[in-house]
């Protein structure tokens, strides 16, 4: 035969724990308590008052990537590598609608290698190319 005293004790303890969790959540929401440094504050409050955000990131290989960074109504195109970052371009941030992935920009599609060759200084466009005086 089943004894009800241990089951009732377990259900009572579960009710107390759930009640304490609900009370803690109520206090956090009522007094807008946030984590130190404002972590996750915009997710809880529904505000988006951040001045810095990463709009998009494209990984080139395991060590290098290209990002679009928005800071105070400006966007920056950066390449990130293990030894630092290089600013490729900066412009005013636009609120233009997102275009389709395959839609060309400005009517022409150019290979990424050509884009980098135009954007980066001489010698940096293709770092794998051997220099003129290098030996095998």
N, C-alpha and C. Protein backbone atom coordinates (compact mmCIF):
# COMPACT_ATOMS: atom_id res chain seq x y z
N UNK A 1 0.83 -1.18 0.00
CA UNK A 1 0.00 0.00 0.00
C UNK A 1 0.88 1.25 0.00
N UNK A 2 0.45 2.27 -0.71
CA UNK A 2 1.23 3.48 -0.85
C UNK A 2 1.04 4.37 0.37
N UNK A 3 2.15 4.87 0.88
CA UNK A 3 2.08 5.80 2.00
C UNK A 3 2.01 7.21 1.44
N UNK A 4 1.05 7.97 1.91
CA UNK A 4 0.83 9.30 1.36
C UNK A 4 1.64 10.39 2.05
N UNK A 5 2.16 10.12 3.23
CA UNK A 5 2.90 11.15 3.95
C UNK A 5 4.16 11.60 3.20
N UNK A 6 5.01 10.68 2.68
CA UNK A 6 6.19 11.13 1.93
C UNK A 6 5.82 11.86 0.63
N UNK A 7 4.77 11.41 -0.05
CA UNK A 7 4.34 12.05 -1.29
C UNK A 7 3.84 13.46 -1.00
N UNK A 8 3.05 13.61 0.05
CA UNK A 8 2.55 14.94 0.42
C UNK A 8 3.70 15.85 0.85
N UNK A 9 4.67 15.32 1.56
CA UNK A 9 5.83 16.11 1.97
C UNK A 9 6.62 16.58 0.75
N UNK A 10 6.80 15.69 -0.24
CA UNK A 10 7.52 16.05 -1.46
C UNK A 10 6.76 17.12 -2.25
N UNK A 11 5.46 16.97 -2.40
CA UNK A 11 4.66 17.95 -3.12
C UNK A 11 4.63 19.29 -2.38
N UNK A 12 4.61 19.27 -1.07
CA UNK A 12 4.66 20.50 -0.29
C UNK A 12 5.99 21.22 -0.47
N UNK A 13 7.09 20.47 -0.46
CA UNK A 13 8.41 21.07 -0.66
C UNK A 13 8.52 21.63 -2.08
N UNK A 14 8.00 20.92 -3.06
CA UNK A 14 8.01 21.41 -4.43
C UNK A 14 7.21 22.70 -4.55
N UNK A 15 6.08 22.78 -3.90
CA UNK A 15 5.26 23.99 -3.92
C UNK A 15 5.98 25.17 -3.28
N UNK A 16 6.69 24.91 -2.18
CA UNK A 16 7.43 25.99 -1.53
C UNK A 16 8.56 26.50 -2.43
N UNK A 17 9.30 25.58 -3.06
CA UNK A 17 10.39 25.98 -3.95
C UNK A 17 9.86 26.77 -5.14
N UNK A 18 8.79 26.30 -5.77
CA UNK A 18 8.22 27.03 -6.89
C UNK A 18 7.67 28.39 -6.47
N UNK A 19 7.10 28.47 -5.29
CA UNK A 19 6.62 29.74 -4.77
C UNK A 19 7.76 30.73 -4.54
N UNK A 20 8.89 30.26 -4.01
CA UNK A 20 10.05 31.13 -3.80
C UNK A 20 10.63 31.62 -5.13
N UNK A 21 10.68 30.74 -6.13
CA UNK A 21 11.16 31.15 -7.46
C UNK A 21 10.24 32.20 -8.07
N UNK A 22 8.92 32.01 -7.94
CA UNK A 22 7.97 32.98 -8.48
C UNK A 22 8.13 34.33 -7.76
N UNK A 23 8.31 34.31 -6.44
CA UNK A 23 8.48 35.55 -5.67
C UNK A 23 9.77 36.26 -6.08
N UNK A 24 10.84 35.51 -6.29
CA UNK A 24 12.10 36.12 -6.71
C UNK A 24 11.96 36.76 -8.09
N UNK A 25 11.28 36.08 -9.01
CA UNK A 25 11.05 36.65 -10.33
C UNK A 25 10.21 37.91 -10.25
N UNK A 26 9.21 37.93 -9.42
CA UNK A 26 8.37 39.11 -9.24
C UNK A 26 9.19 40.29 -8.73
N UNK A 27 10.07 40.05 -7.75
CA UNK A 27 10.91 41.12 -7.19
C UNK A 27 11.86 41.66 -8.26
N UNK A 28 12.46 40.77 -9.06
CA UNK A 28 13.39 41.19 -10.10
C UNK A 28 12.68 42.06 -11.14
N UNK A 29 11.49 41.65 -11.55
CA UNK A 29 10.76 42.43 -12.55
C UNK A 29 10.19 43.72 -11.95
N UNK A 30 9.72 43.68 -10.73
CA UNK A 30 9.11 44.85 -10.09
C UNK A 30 10.11 45.96 -9.87
N UNK A 31 11.30 45.63 -9.43
CA UNK A 31 12.32 46.63 -9.12
C UNK A 31 13.40 46.74 -10.20
N UNK A 32 13.18 46.08 -11.34
CA UNK A 32 14.10 46.14 -12.50
C UNK A 32 15.54 45.87 -12.09
N UNK A 33 15.75 44.80 -11.40
CA UNK A 33 17.09 44.40 -10.97
C UNK A 33 17.79 43.76 -12.17
N UNK A 34 19.02 44.22 -12.46
CA UNK A 34 19.78 43.68 -13.57
C UNK A 34 21.11 43.13 -13.08
N UNK A 35 21.76 42.41 -13.95
CA UNK A 35 23.08 41.88 -13.63
C UNK A 35 24.10 43.01 -13.65
N UNK A 36 25.23 42.85 -12.96
CA UNK A 36 26.27 43.89 -12.99
C UNK A 36 26.74 44.16 -14.41
N UNK A 37 26.93 45.43 -14.72
CA UNK A 37 27.39 45.80 -16.05
C UNK A 37 26.28 45.88 -17.07
N UNK A 38 25.04 45.67 -16.65
CA UNK A 38 23.91 45.77 -17.56
C UNK A 38 23.76 44.59 -18.49
N UNK A 39 24.37 43.46 -18.16
CA UNK A 39 24.25 42.29 -19.02
C UNK A 39 22.80 41.86 -19.10
N UNK A 40 22.35 41.60 -20.28
CA UNK A 40 20.99 41.13 -20.55
C UNK A 40 19.92 42.12 -20.14
N UNK A 41 20.26 43.39 -19.93
CA UNK A 41 19.26 44.35 -19.52
C UNK A 41 18.28 44.66 -20.64
N UNK A 42 18.75 44.72 -21.89
CA UNK A 42 17.84 45.03 -22.98
C UNK A 42 16.89 43.87 -23.26
N UNK A 43 17.32 42.64 -23.00
CA UNK A 43 16.44 41.50 -23.22
C UNK A 43 15.30 41.49 -22.22
N UNK A 44 15.54 41.89 -20.98
CA UNK A 44 14.50 41.89 -19.95
C UNK A 44 13.57 43.08 -20.07
N UNK A 45 14.11 44.23 -20.35
CA UNK A 45 13.30 45.44 -20.33
C UNK A 45 12.69 45.77 -21.67
N UNK A 46 13.15 45.14 -22.75
CA UNK A 46 12.62 45.44 -24.07
C UNK A 46 13.25 46.67 -24.70
N UNK A 47 14.21 47.29 -24.04
CA UNK A 47 14.89 48.47 -24.58
C UNK A 47 16.07 48.03 -25.43
N UNK A 48 16.39 48.87 -26.39
CA UNK A 48 17.59 48.63 -27.17
C UNK A 48 18.36 49.94 -27.22
N UNK A 49 19.08 50.26 -26.15
CA UNK A 49 19.79 51.52 -26.07
C UNK A 49 21.30 51.33 -26.22
N UNK A 50 21.69 50.27 -26.88
CA UNK A 50 23.11 50.02 -27.09
C UNK A 50 23.63 50.89 -28.21
N UNK A 51 24.85 51.35 -28.06
CA UNK A 51 25.48 52.21 -29.06
C UNK A 51 26.35 51.43 -30.02
N UNK A 52 26.66 50.18 -29.69
CA UNK A 52 27.59 49.39 -30.47
C UNK A 52 26.96 48.04 -30.76
N UNK A 53 26.98 47.63 -32.04
CA UNK A 53 26.48 46.31 -32.39
C UNK A 53 27.19 45.77 -33.62
N UNK A 54 27.29 44.46 -33.69
CA UNK A 54 27.84 43.80 -34.87
C UNK A 54 26.66 43.47 -35.77
N UNK A 55 26.64 44.09 -36.95
CA UNK A 55 25.52 43.92 -37.87
C UNK A 55 25.63 42.57 -38.57
N UNK A 56 26.83 42.25 -39.05
CA UNK A 56 27.03 41.00 -39.77
C UNK A 56 28.47 40.57 -39.66
N UNK A 57 28.69 39.24 -39.70
CA UNK A 57 30.04 38.69 -39.62
C UNK A 57 30.17 37.60 -40.66
N UNK A 58 31.27 37.64 -41.39
CA UNK A 58 31.55 36.63 -42.41
C UNK A 58 32.92 36.04 -42.12
N UNK A 59 32.97 34.75 -41.92
CA UNK A 59 34.24 34.08 -41.64
C UNK A 59 34.94 33.76 -42.95
N UNK A 60 36.19 34.21 -43.07
CA UNK A 60 36.98 33.93 -44.27
C UNK A 60 37.71 32.60 -44.14
N UNK A 61 38.28 32.35 -42.99
CA UNK A 61 38.90 31.07 -42.67
C UNK A 61 38.89 30.95 -41.15
N UNK A 62 39.68 30.03 -40.60
CA UNK A 62 39.64 29.80 -39.16
C UNK A 62 40.16 30.97 -38.35
N UNK A 63 41.02 31.79 -38.93
CA UNK A 63 41.64 32.88 -38.18
C UNK A 63 41.17 34.27 -38.58
N UNK A 64 40.58 34.41 -39.75
CA UNK A 64 40.22 35.74 -40.25
C UNK A 64 38.73 35.82 -40.53
N UNK A 65 38.18 37.02 -40.31
CA UNK A 65 36.78 37.27 -40.63
C UNK A 65 36.60 38.74 -40.97
N UNK A 66 35.48 39.03 -41.61
CA UNK A 66 35.10 40.39 -41.98
C UNK A 66 33.81 40.70 -41.23
N UNK A 67 33.75 41.88 -40.60
CA UNK A 67 32.54 42.25 -39.88
C UNK A 67 32.08 43.64 -40.28
N UNK A 68 30.79 43.87 -40.15
CA UNK A 68 30.21 45.20 -40.25
C UNK A 68 29.82 45.60 -38.84
N UNK A 69 30.40 46.67 -38.37
CA UNK A 69 30.20 47.14 -37.00
C UNK A 69 29.47 48.47 -37.05
N UNK A 70 28.36 48.61 -36.30
CA UNK A 70 27.63 49.87 -36.25
C UNK A 70 27.88 50.52 -34.90
N UNK A 71 28.32 51.79 -34.94
CA UNK A 71 28.58 52.55 -33.72
C UNK A 71 28.11 53.99 -33.93
N UNK A 72 27.14 54.43 -33.14
CA UNK A 72 26.65 55.81 -33.21
C UNK A 72 26.34 56.26 -34.62
N UNK A 73 25.44 55.57 -35.27
CA UNK A 73 24.95 55.93 -36.62
C UNK A 73 26.02 55.87 -37.71
N UNK A 74 27.11 55.17 -37.46
CA UNK A 74 28.12 54.93 -38.49
C UNK A 74 28.37 53.43 -38.58
N UNK A 75 28.69 52.97 -39.77
CA UNK A 75 29.02 51.57 -39.98
C UNK A 75 30.47 51.47 -40.43
N UNK A 76 31.16 50.47 -39.91
CA UNK A 76 32.57 50.24 -40.23
C UNK A 76 32.72 48.82 -40.76
N UNK A 77 33.47 48.67 -41.84
CA UNK A 77 33.81 47.36 -42.39
C UNK A 77 35.22 47.04 -41.95
N UNK A 78 35.38 45.97 -41.17
CA UNK A 78 36.67 45.61 -40.58
C UNK A 78 37.04 44.18 -40.96
N UNK A 79 38.34 43.95 -41.12
CA UNK A 79 38.83 42.57 -41.18
C UNK A 79 39.48 42.28 -39.84
N UNK A 80 39.15 41.15 -39.27
CA UNK A 80 39.71 40.73 -38.00
C UNK A 80 40.61 39.55 -38.22
N UNK A 81 41.78 39.58 -37.60
CA UNK A 81 42.72 38.47 -37.68
C UNK A 81 43.31 38.27 -36.29
N UNK A 82 44.15 37.28 -36.15
CA UNK A 82 44.74 37.00 -34.86
C UNK A 82 45.60 38.13 -34.32
N UNK A 83 46.19 38.91 -35.20
CA UNK A 83 47.10 39.96 -34.75
C UNK A 83 46.46 41.35 -34.70
N UNK A 84 45.19 41.49 -35.02
CA UNK A 84 44.54 42.79 -34.92
C UNK A 84 43.40 42.95 -35.90
N UNK A 85 43.03 44.21 -36.12
CA UNK A 85 41.92 44.54 -37.01
C UNK A 85 42.37 45.61 -38.00
N UNK A 86 41.80 45.58 -39.20
CA UNK A 86 42.10 46.57 -40.23
C UNK A 86 40.79 47.17 -40.69
N UNK A 87 40.71 48.50 -40.67
CA UNK A 87 39.52 49.21 -41.14
C UNK A 87 39.55 49.27 -42.66
N UNK A 88 38.53 48.70 -43.31
CA UNK A 88 38.46 48.72 -44.76
C UNK A 88 37.64 49.89 -45.27
N UNK A 89 36.53 50.21 -44.58
CA UNK A 89 35.65 51.27 -45.05
C UNK A 89 34.78 51.73 -43.89
N UNK A 90 34.29 52.96 -43.98
CA UNK A 90 33.33 53.46 -43.01
C UNK A 90 32.34 54.35 -43.74
N UNK A 91 31.10 54.37 -43.24
CA UNK A 91 30.06 55.17 -43.88
C UNK A 91 28.96 55.44 -42.88
N UNK A 92 28.02 56.30 -43.26
CA UNK A 92 26.85 56.56 -42.43
C UNK A 92 25.97 55.31 -42.43
N UNK A 93 25.41 54.99 -41.29
CA UNK A 93 24.52 53.83 -41.19
C UNK A 93 23.24 54.12 -41.93
N UNK A 94 22.76 53.17 -42.67
CA UNK A 94 21.50 53.33 -43.40
C UNK A 94 20.49 52.35 -42.86
N UNK A 95 19.26 52.76 -42.91
CA UNK A 95 18.17 51.89 -42.46
C UNK A 95 17.48 51.28 -43.67
N UNK A 96 18.22 51.03 -44.73
CA UNK A 96 17.66 50.45 -45.95
C UNK A 96 17.21 49.03 -45.67
N UNK A 97 16.14 48.59 -46.32
CA UNK A 97 15.69 47.22 -46.10
C UNK A 97 16.73 46.21 -46.58
N UNK A 98 16.74 45.06 -45.95
CA UNK A 98 17.70 44.02 -46.33
C UNK A 98 17.39 43.54 -47.74
N UNK A 99 18.41 43.39 -48.55
CA UNK A 99 18.21 42.89 -49.90
C UNK A 99 18.42 41.39 -49.91
N UNK A 100 17.98 40.80 -50.98
CA UNK A 100 18.16 39.36 -51.13
C UNK A 100 19.64 39.05 -51.26
N UNK A 101 20.03 37.87 -50.87
CA UNK A 101 21.43 37.47 -50.83
C UNK A 101 22.09 37.52 -52.21
N UNK A 102 21.37 37.14 -53.27
CA UNK A 102 21.95 37.09 -54.60
C UNK A 102 21.74 38.37 -55.40
N UNK A 103 21.06 39.34 -54.84
CA UNK A 103 20.83 40.59 -55.56
C UNK A 103 22.12 41.39 -55.64
N UNK A 104 22.53 41.80 -56.83
CA UNK A 104 23.80 42.53 -56.97
C UNK A 104 23.71 43.92 -56.35
N UNK A 105 24.84 44.40 -55.88
CA UNK A 105 24.94 45.74 -55.33
C UNK A 105 25.39 46.67 -56.44
N UNK A 106 24.64 47.70 -56.73
CA UNK A 106 25.02 48.66 -57.75
C UNK A 106 24.98 48.08 -59.16
N UNK A 107 24.30 46.98 -59.37
CA UNK A 107 24.11 46.42 -60.70
C UNK A 107 25.22 45.51 -61.18
N UNK A 108 26.32 45.37 -60.45
CA UNK A 108 27.42 44.53 -60.91
C UNK A 108 27.89 43.64 -59.77
N UNK A 109 28.17 42.41 -60.09
CA UNK A 109 28.71 41.47 -59.12
C UNK A 109 30.19 41.30 -59.42
N UNK A 110 31.04 41.59 -58.42
CA UNK A 110 32.47 41.39 -58.61
C UNK A 110 32.94 40.34 -57.62
N UNK A 111 33.93 39.56 -57.99
CA UNK A 111 34.46 38.55 -57.05
C UNK A 111 35.05 39.21 -55.81
N UNK A 112 34.99 38.51 -54.71
CA UNK A 112 35.48 39.05 -53.44
C UNK A 112 36.97 39.37 -53.51
N UNK A 113 37.73 38.61 -54.26
CA UNK A 113 39.17 38.86 -54.41
C UNK A 113 39.43 40.23 -55.04
N UNK A 114 38.61 40.59 -56.06
CA UNK A 114 38.77 41.91 -56.68
C UNK A 114 38.38 43.03 -55.71
N UNK A 115 37.31 42.79 -54.93
CA UNK A 115 36.90 43.78 -53.94
C UNK A 115 38.02 44.04 -52.94
N UNK A 116 38.64 42.97 -52.43
CA UNK A 116 39.73 43.14 -51.48
C UNK A 116 40.93 43.82 -52.13
N UNK A 117 41.20 43.50 -53.39
CA UNK A 117 42.33 44.12 -54.08
C UNK A 117 42.14 45.64 -54.16
N UNK A 118 40.90 46.10 -54.37
CA UNK A 118 40.63 47.53 -54.43
C UNK A 118 40.67 48.16 -53.04
N UNK A 119 40.20 47.44 -52.05
CA UNK A 119 40.04 48.02 -50.71
C UNK A 119 41.32 48.03 -49.89
N UNK A 120 42.21 47.10 -50.13
CA UNK A 120 43.40 46.98 -49.30
C UNK A 120 44.62 47.54 -50.02
N UNK A 121 45.63 47.99 -49.26
CA UNK A 121 46.84 48.53 -49.87
C UNK A 121 47.59 47.47 -50.67
N UNK A 122 48.49 47.92 -51.54
CA UNK A 122 49.27 46.99 -52.35
C UNK A 122 50.02 46.01 -51.47
N UNK A 123 50.04 44.76 -51.91
CA UNK A 123 50.75 43.73 -51.16
C UNK A 123 49.87 43.06 -50.12
N UNK A 124 48.79 43.72 -49.71
CA UNK A 124 47.91 43.13 -48.71
C UNK A 124 46.73 42.41 -49.36
N UNK A 125 46.44 42.70 -50.63
CA UNK A 125 45.28 42.13 -51.29
C UNK A 125 45.40 40.62 -51.40
N UNK A 126 46.58 40.11 -51.64
CA UNK A 126 46.79 38.67 -51.71
C UNK A 126 48.02 38.34 -50.88
N UNK A 127 47.86 38.10 -49.58
CA UNK A 127 49.03 37.85 -48.73
C UNK A 127 49.73 36.53 -49.04
N UNK A 128 49.07 35.65 -49.81
CA UNK A 128 49.69 34.36 -50.13
C UNK A 128 50.60 34.45 -51.35
N UNK A 129 50.51 35.55 -52.10
CA UNK A 129 51.34 35.72 -53.29
C UNK A 129 52.80 35.91 -52.86
N UNK A 130 53.70 35.25 -53.55
CA UNK A 130 55.12 35.39 -53.23
C UNK A 130 55.62 36.76 -53.67
N UNK A 131 56.47 37.31 -52.88
CA UNK A 131 57.08 38.61 -53.24
C UNK A 131 58.09 38.38 -54.36
N UNK A 132 58.38 39.44 -55.10
CA UNK A 132 59.24 39.32 -56.29
C UNK A 132 60.61 38.75 -55.96
N UNK A 133 61.24 39.13 -54.86
CA UNK A 133 62.59 38.70 -54.54
C UNK A 133 62.64 37.44 -53.68
N UNK A 134 61.51 36.82 -53.37
CA UNK A 134 61.51 35.65 -52.48
C UNK A 134 62.02 34.42 -53.20
N UNK A 135 62.73 33.57 -52.48
CA UNK A 135 63.24 32.33 -53.04
C UNK A 135 62.47 31.17 -52.47
N UNK A 136 62.57 30.03 -53.14
CA UNK A 136 61.84 28.85 -52.69
C UNK A 136 62.51 28.23 -51.54
